[in-house]
Amino acid sequence: MKWITSVALTLVMSMALNAQVKAVEDFVKDHPDLEQYFIYQSTLRLLNQSGNDDFNMLIKDIRKINAYVAMSSADVTKKEYDKMITKLEKDKFELLIHAKYNGALIHLMGQDKGKDSYYVLAVRDENDFALLEMDGQLDLKYLTAIQDVDFAKLSGMLLEDDNDGKKEGEKDEKTHNDKKSSDEKNNDKKSN
């Protein structure tokens, strides 16, 4: 799984995503067992072990990356994976990269709508599945700084069991539940 996350994040970090893509949203709804992680800019900065200023410039406009992960490819069949790719194509996403690497299928698809660009990266092998989308923009003149990133550390942070409360890189369930209870509190205040 670590190499999939490394490859996936490397590819998606060269792209931008400003809103959730409908095909991805539908896919995630159809697969409630997917683990969702938010990776924020501050978490990405932890990967800059060498203190490279260019890396900080590269990620300065990234708000977050959404990562959806299945620890078993049985959770996402090849047929379901192919259906999602077809749906993205119907939504006028262009196939930018289609590759097979060590038995993994890799699709990077993009859609350009003027100022807004949308990118989705999907990776599936016999053991794992990952789907990534990014909210924010990269300063591509600093793209070479990506070579200094410790992707193994990121994989470890995502897969680490977090029992100490909310942290960046945590599963969406906790974030969603916290937000939901906050919204409920606000509704209670309004009704009083």
C-alpha atoms as a PDB file:
ATOM      1  CA  MET A   1       0.000   0.000   0.000  1.00  0.00           C
ATOM      2  CA  LYS A   2       2.834   2.395   0.754  1.00  0.00           C
ATOM      3  CA  TRP A   3       4.134   2.383  -2.827  1.00  0.00           C
ATOM      4  CA  ILE A   4       0.601   2.979  -4.175  1.00  0.00           C
ATOM      5  CA  THR A   5       0.173   5.987  -1.910  1.00  0.00           C
ATOM      6  CA  SER A   6       3.620   7.247  -2.904  1.00  0.00           C
ATOM      7  CA  VAL A   7       2.959   6.915  -6.638  1.00  0.00           C
ATOM      8  CA  ALA A   8      -0.544   8.311  -6.310  1.00  0.00           C
ATOM      9  CA  LEU A   9       0.453  11.337  -4.269  1.00  0.00           C
ATOM     10  CA  THR A  10       3.414  12.084  -6.525  1.00  0.00           C
ATOM     11  CA  LEU A  11       1.146  12.144  -9.563  1.00  0.00           C
ATOM     12  CA  VAL A  12      -1.701  14.077  -7.981  1.00  0.00           C
ATOM     13  CA  MET A  13       0.624  16.682  -6.476  1.00  0.00           C
ATOM     14  CA  SER A  14       1.298  17.916  -9.991  1.00  0.00           C
ATOM     15  CA  MET A  15      -2.396  18.663 -10.510  1.00  0.00           C
ATOM     16  CA  ALA A  16      -5.176  20.742  -8.908  1.00  0.00           C
ATOM     17  CA  LEU A  17      -8.748  20.053  -7.841  1.00  0.00           C
ATOM     18  CA  ASN A  18     -11.101  22.811  -6.738  1.00  0.00           C
ATOM     19  CA  ALA A  19     -14.302  20.879  -5.992  1.00  0.00           C
ATOM     20  CA  GLN A  20     -15.410  17.319  -5.564  1.00  0.00           C
ATOM     21  CA  VAL A  21     -16.097  15.657  -8.874  1.00  0.00           C
ATOM     22  CA  LYS A  22     -19.621  14.181  -9.248  1.00  0.00           C
ATOM     23  CA  ALA A  23     -18.341  10.798 -10.478  1.00  0.00           C
ATOM     24  CA  VAL A  24     -16.060  10.560  -7.424  1.00  0.00           C
ATOM     25  CA  GLU A  25     -18.835  11.685  -5.090  1.00  0.00           C
ATOM     26  CA  ASP A  26     -21.162   8.986  -6.486  1.00  0.00           C
ATOM     27  CA  PHE A  27     -18.425   6.352  -6.290  1.00  0.00           C
ATOM     28  CA  VAL A  28     -17.700   7.197  -2.644  1.00  0.00           C
ATOM     29  CA  LYS A  29     -21.426   7.062  -1.790  1.00  0.00           C
ATOM     30  CA  ASP A  30     -21.607   3.598  -3.377  1.00  0.00           C
ATOM     31  CA  HIS A  31     -18.600   2.450  -1.306  1.00  0.00           C
ATOM     32  CA  PRO A  32     -19.250   3.537   2.297  1.00  0.00           C
ATOM     33  CA  ASP A  33     -16.465   1.255   3.561  1.00  0.00           C
ATOM     34  CA  LEU A  34     -13.768   3.388   1.915  1.00  0.00           C
ATOM     35  CA  GLU A  35     -11.608   5.138   4.445  1.00  0.00           C
ATOM     36  CA  GLN A  36     -11.369   8.861   3.775  1.00  0.00           C
ATOM     37  CA  TYR A  37      -8.454  10.989   4.861  1.00  0.00           C
ATOM     38  CA  PHE A  38      -7.902  14.707   4.602  1.00  0.00           C
ATOM     39  CA  ILE A  39      -4.315  15.721   4.084  1.00  0.00           C
ATOM     40  CA  TYR A  40      -3.848  19.404   4.830  1.00  0.00           C
ATOM     41  CA  GLN A  41      -1.001  21.723   3.948  1.00  0.00           C
ATOM     42  CA  SER A  42       0.431  21.493   7.464  1.00  0.00           C
ATOM     43  CA  THR A  43       0.593  17.693   7.143  1.00  0.00           C
ATOM     44  CA  LEU A  44       2.337  18.025   3.787  1.00  0.00           C
ATOM     45  CA  ARG A  45       4.903  20.318   5.419  1.00  0.00           C
ATOM     46  CA  LEU A  46       5.823  17.449   7.769  1.00  0.00           C
ATOM     47  CA  LEU A  47       7.061  15.590   4.691  1.00  0.00           C
ATOM     48  CA  ASN A  48       9.638  18.299   4.022  1.00  0.00           C
ATOM     49  CA  GLN A  49      12.299  16.722   6.217  1.00  0.00           C
ATOM     50  CA  SER A  50      15.132  18.546   4.465  1.00  0.00           C
ATOM     51  CA  GLY A  51      13.589  21.987   5.082  1.00  0.00           C
ATOM     52  CA  ASN A  52      13.509  22.718   1.335  1.00  0.00           C
ATOM     53  CA  ASP A  53      12.042  26.221   0.822  1.00  0.00           C
ATOM     54  CA  ASP A  54      11.041  25.272  -2.731  1.00  0.00           C
ATOM     55  CA  PHE A  55       8.756  22.551  -1.364  1.00  0.00           C
ATOM     56  CA  ASN A  56       7.007  25.090   0.858  1.00  0.00           C
ATOM     57  CA  MET A  57       6.508  27.320  -2.193  1.00  0.00           C
ATOM     58  CA  LEU A  58       5.179  24.351  -4.176  1.00  0.00           C
ATOM     59  CA  ILE A  59       2.386  23.602  -1.674  1.00  0.00           C
ATOM     60  CA  LYS A  60       1.597  27.127  -0.443  1.00  0.00           C
ATOM     61  CA  ASP A  61      -1.795  27.214  -2.218  1.00  0.00           C
ATOM     62  CA  ILE A  62      -2.923  23.667  -1.418  1.00  0.00           C
ATOM     63  CA  ARG A  63      -5.878  23.591   0.927  1.00  0.00           C
ATOM     64  CA  LYS A  64      -6.296  19.830   1.211  1.00  0.00           C
ATOM     65  CA  ILE A  65      -6.091  16.514  -0.559  1.00  0.00           C
ATOM     66  CA  ASN A  66      -8.926  14.015  -0.197  1.00  0.00           C
ATOM     67  CA  ALA A  67      -7.703  10.439  -0.162  1.00  0.00           C
ATOM     68  CA  TYR A  68     -10.115   7.510  -0.330  1.00  0.00           C
ATOM     69  CA  VAL A  69      -8.531   4.160   0.486  1.00  0.00           C
ATOM     70  CA  ALA A  70      -9.675   0.537   0.518  1.00  0.00           C
ATOM     71  CA  MET A  71      -7.343  -1.896   2.211  1.00  0.00           C
ATOM     72  CA  SER A  72      -8.612  -4.714   0.036  1.00  0.00           C
ATOM     73  CA  SER A  73      -9.188  -4.679  -3.689  1.00  0.00           C
ATOM     74  CA  ALA A  74     -12.238  -6.857  -2.972  1.00  0.00           C
ATOM     75  CA  ASP A  75     -13.881  -3.682  -1.644  1.00  0.00           C
ATOM     76  CA  VAL A  76     -13.619  -2.170  -5.150  1.00  0.00           C
ATOM     77  CA  THR A  77     -13.908  -4.663  -7.984  1.00  0.00           C
ATOM     78  CA  LYS A  78     -12.257  -4.124 -11.345  1.00  0.00           C
ATOM     79  CA  LYS A  79     -15.725  -3.768 -12.872  1.00  0.00           C
ATOM     80  CA  GLU A  80     -16.617  -0.962 -10.421  1.00  0.00           C
ATOM     81  CA  TYR A  81     -13.264   0.698 -11.010  1.00  0.00           C
ATOM     82  CA  ASP A  82     -13.751   0.584 -14.796  1.00  0.00           C
ATOM     83  CA  LYS A  83     -17.312   1.932 -14.419  1.00  0.00           C
ATOM     84  CA  MET A  84     -15.992   4.953 -12.485  1.00  0.00           C
ATOM     85  CA  ILE A  85     -13.366   5.625 -15.174  1.00  0.00           C
ATOM     86  CA  THR A  86     -16.064   5.388 -17.880  1.00  0.00           C
ATOM     87  CA  LYS A  87     -18.266   7.808 -15.933  1.00  0.00           C
ATOM     88  CA  LEU A  88     -15.391  10.286 -15.695  1.00  0.00           C
ATOM     89  CA  GLU A  89     -14.875   9.989 -19.460  1.00  0.00           C
ATOM     90  CA  LYS A  90     -18.599  10.667 -20.035  1.00  0.00           C
ATOM     91  CA  ASP A  91     -18.221  13.761 -17.834  1.00  0.00           C
ATOM     92  CA  LYS A  92     -15.599  14.934 -20.363  1.00  0.00           C
ATOM     93  CA  PHE A  93     -12.549  14.084 -18.274  1.00  0.00           C
ATOM     94  CA  GLU A  94      -9.482  13.585 -20.397  1.00  0.00           C
ATOM     95  CA  LEU A  95      -7.273  10.590 -19.749  1.00  0.00           C
ATOM     96  CA  LEU A  96      -3.858  12.063 -18.948  1.00  0.00           C
ATOM     97  CA  ILE A  97      -2.096   8.939 -17.720  1.00  0.00           C
ATOM     98  CA  HIS A  98      -3.089   5.299 -18.031  1.00  0.00           C
ATOM     99  CA  ALA A  99      -0.423   2.935 -16.826  1.00  0.00           C
ATOM    100  CA  LYS A 100       0.182  -0.450 -15.311  1.00  0.00           C
ATOM    101  CA  TYR A 101       2.948  -0.586 -12.743  1.00  0.00           C
ATOM    102  CA  ASN A 102       3.799  -3.709 -10.733  1.00  0.00           C
ATOM    103  CA  GLY A 103       0.317  -5.059 -11.434  1.00  0.00           C
ATOM    104  CA  ALA A 104      -1.480  -1.839 -10.486  1.00  0.00           C
ATOM    105  CA  LEU A 105      -3.815   0.096 -12.757  1.00  0.00           C
ATOM    106  CA  ILE A 106      -3.190   3.839 -12.630  1.00  0.00           C
ATOM    107  CA  HIS A 107      -5.523   6.430 -14.154  1.00  0.00           C
ATOM    108  CA  LEU A 108      -4.961  10.167 -13.962  1.00  0.00           C
ATOM    109  CA  MET A 109      -7.813  12.121 -15.489  1.00  0.00           C
ATOM    110  CA  GLY A 110      -8.331  15.844 -15.802  1.00  0.00           C
ATOM    111  CA  GLN A 111     -10.917  18.353 -16.867  1.00  0.00           C
ATOM    112  CA  ASP A 112     -10.136  21.992 -17.584  1.00  0.00           C
ATOM    113  CA  LYS A 113     -12.920  24.555 -17.209  1.00  0.00           C
ATOM    114  CA  GLY A 114     -11.260  27.928 -17.626  1.00  0.00           C
ATOM    115  CA  LYS A 115      -9.928  28.961 -14.238  1.00  0.00           C
ATOM    116  CA  ASP A 116     -11.013  25.703 -12.628  1.00  0.00           C
ATOM    117  CA  SER A 117      -9.214  22.446 -13.283  1.00  0.00           C
ATOM    118  CA  TYR A 118     -10.329  19.137 -11.850  1.00  0.00           C
ATOM    119  CA  TYR A 119      -8.076  16.113 -11.454  1.00  0.00           C
ATOM    120  CA  VAL A 120      -8.709  12.600 -10.196  1.00  0.00           C
ATOM    121  CA  LEU A 121      -6.134   9.894  -9.657  1.00  0.00           C
ATOM    122  CA  ALA A 122      -7.268   6.284  -9.210  1.00  0.00           C
ATOM    123  CA  VAL A 123      -4.928   3.386  -8.424  1.00  0.00           C
ATOM    124  CA  ARG A 124      -5.977  -0.254  -8.018  1.00  0.00           C
ATOM    125  CA  ASP A 125      -3.955  -3.430  -7.668  1.00  0.00           C
ATOM    126  CA  GLU A 126      -4.754  -6.936  -6.451  1.00  0.00           C
ATOM    127  CA  ASN A 127      -4.515  -5.823  -2.809  1.00  0.00           C
ATOM    128  CA  ASP A 128      -5.386  -2.130  -2.539  1.00  0.00           C
ATOM    129  CA  PHE A 129      -7.333   0.788  -3.964  1.00  0.00           C
ATOM    130  CA  ALA A 130      -6.692   4.536  -3.664  1.00  0.00           C
ATOM    131  CA  LEU A 131      -8.570   7.505  -5.100  1.00  0.00           C
ATOM    132  CA  LEU A 132      -7.155  11.018  -4.711  1.00  0.00           C
ATOM    133  CA  GLU A 133      -8.389  14.510  -5.449  1.00  0.00           C
ATOM    134  CA  MET A 134      -6.785  17.828  -4.552  1.00  0.00           C
ATOM    135  CA  ASP A 135      -8.274  21.165  -3.506  1.00  0.00           C
ATOM    136  CA  GLY A 136      -5.867  23.967  -4.281  1.00  0.00           C
ATOM    137  CA  GLN A 137      -3.153  24.884  -6.702  1.00  0.00           C
ATOM    138  CA  LEU A 138       0.516  23.978  -6.968  1.00  0.00           C
ATOM    139  CA  ASP A 139       3.184  26.426  -8.024  1.00  0.00           C
ATOM    140  CA  LEU A 140       4.580  24.219 -10.772  1.00  0.00           C
ATOM    141  CA  LYS A 141       7.840  26.123 -11.122  1.00  0.00           C
ATOM    142  CA  TYR A 142       8.821  24.420  -7.833  1.00  0.00           C
ATOM    143  CA  LEU A 143       7.705  20.924  -8.905  1.00  0.00           C
ATOM    144  CA  THR A 144      11.226  19.466  -8.691  1.00  0.00           C
ATOM    145  CA  ALA A 145      11.026  19.898  -4.901  1.00  0.00           C
ATOM    146  CA  ILE A 146       8.773  16.838  -4.824  1.00  0.00           C
ATOM    147  CA  GLN A 147      11.858  14.625  -5.042  1.00  0.00           C
ATOM    148  CA  ASP A 148      12.726  15.548  -1.431  1.00  0.00           C
ATOM    149  CA  VAL A 149       9.376  14.400  -0.011  1.00  0.00           C
ATOM    150  CA  ASP A 150       9.283  11.463   2.408  1.00  0.00           C
ATOM    151  CA  PHE A 151       6.271   9.590   0.984  1.00  0.00           C
ATOM    152  CA  ALA A 152       6.855   6.580   3.235  1.00  0.00           C
ATOM    153  CA  LYS A 153       6.256   8.896   6.188  1.00  0.00           C
ATOM    154  CA  LEU A 154       2.961  10.064   4.671  1.00  0.00           C
ATOM    155  CA  SER A 155       1.804   6.479   4.163  1.00  0.00           C
ATOM    156  CA  GLY A 156       2.684   5.724   7.759  1.00  0.00           C
ATOM    157  CA  MET A 157       0.786   8.772   9.001  1.00  0.00           C
ATOM    158  CA  LEU A 158      -2.321   7.802   7.036  1.00  0.00           C
ATOM    159  CA  LEU A 159      -2.271   4.201   8.168  1.00  0.00           C
ATOM    160  CA  GLU A 160      -1.408   4.965  11.781  1.00  0.00           C
ATOM    161  CA  ASP A 161      -4.204   4.247  14.241  1.00  0.00           C
ATOM    162  CA  ASP A 162      -5.292   7.523  15.846  1.00  0.00           C
ATOM    163  CA  ASN A 163      -7.005   7.169  19.205  1.00  0.00           C
ATOM    164  CA  ASP A 164      -5.995  10.535  20.691  1.00  0.00           C
ATOM    165  CA  GLY A 165      -8.650  12.749  19.113  1.00  0.00           C
ATOM    166  CA  LYS A 166      -8.745  14.659  15.878  1.00  0.00           C
ATOM    167  CA  LYS A 167      -5.564  15.015  13.869  1.00  0.00           C
ATOM    168  CA  GLU A 168      -4.874  15.885  10.283  1.00  0.00           C
ATOM    169  CA  GLY A 169      -4.800  12.802   8.121  1.00  0.00           C
ATOM    170  CA  GLU A 170      -7.580  11.164  10.140  1.00  0.00           C
ATOM    171  CA  LYS A 171     -10.548   9.286   8.786  1.00  0.00           C
ATOM    172  CA  ASP A 172     -13.454  11.389   7.566  1.00  0.00           C
ATOM    173  CA  GLU A 173     -15.939   9.632   9.842  1.00  0.00           C
ATOM    174  CA  LYS A 174     -14.586  11.485  12.869  1.00  0.00           C
ATOM    175  CA  THR A 175     -14.417  14.815  11.063  1.00  0.00           C
ATOM    176  CA  HIS A 176     -17.929  14.355   9.661  1.00  0.00           C
ATOM    177  CA  ASN A 177     -19.339  13.395  13.061  1.00  0.00           C
ATOM    178  CA  ASP A 178     -17.650  16.348  14.771  1.00  0.00           C
ATOM    179  CA  LYS A 179     -18.979  18.730  12.119  1.00  0.00           C
ATOM    180  CA  LYS A 180     -22.417  17.184  12.354  1.00  0.00           C
ATOM    181  CA  SER A 181     -22.602  17.636  16.109  1.00  0.00           C
ATOM    182  CA  SER A 182     -21.379  21.220  15.703  1.00  0.00           C
ATOM    183  CA  ASP A 183     -24.121  21.868  13.129  1.00  0.00           C
ATOM    184  CA  GLU A 184     -26.688  20.293  15.426  1.00  0.00           C
ATOM    185  CA  LYS A 185     -25.533  22.562  18.253  1.00  0.00           C
ATOM    186  CA  ASN A 186     -25.939  25.615  16.020  1.00  0.00           C
ATOM    187  CA  ASN A 187     -29.464  24.502  15.067  1.00  0.00           C
ATOM    188  CA  ASP A 188     -30.317  24.025  18.751  1.00  0.00           C
ATOM    189  CA  LYS A 189     -29.142  27.580  19.517  1.00  0.00           C
ATOM    190  CA  LYS A 190     -31.266  28.996  16.686  1.00  0.00           C
ATOM    191  CA  SER A 191     -34.399  27.179  17.855  1.00  0.00           C
ATOM    192  CA  ASN A 192     -34.040  28.498  21.442  1.00  0.00           C
END
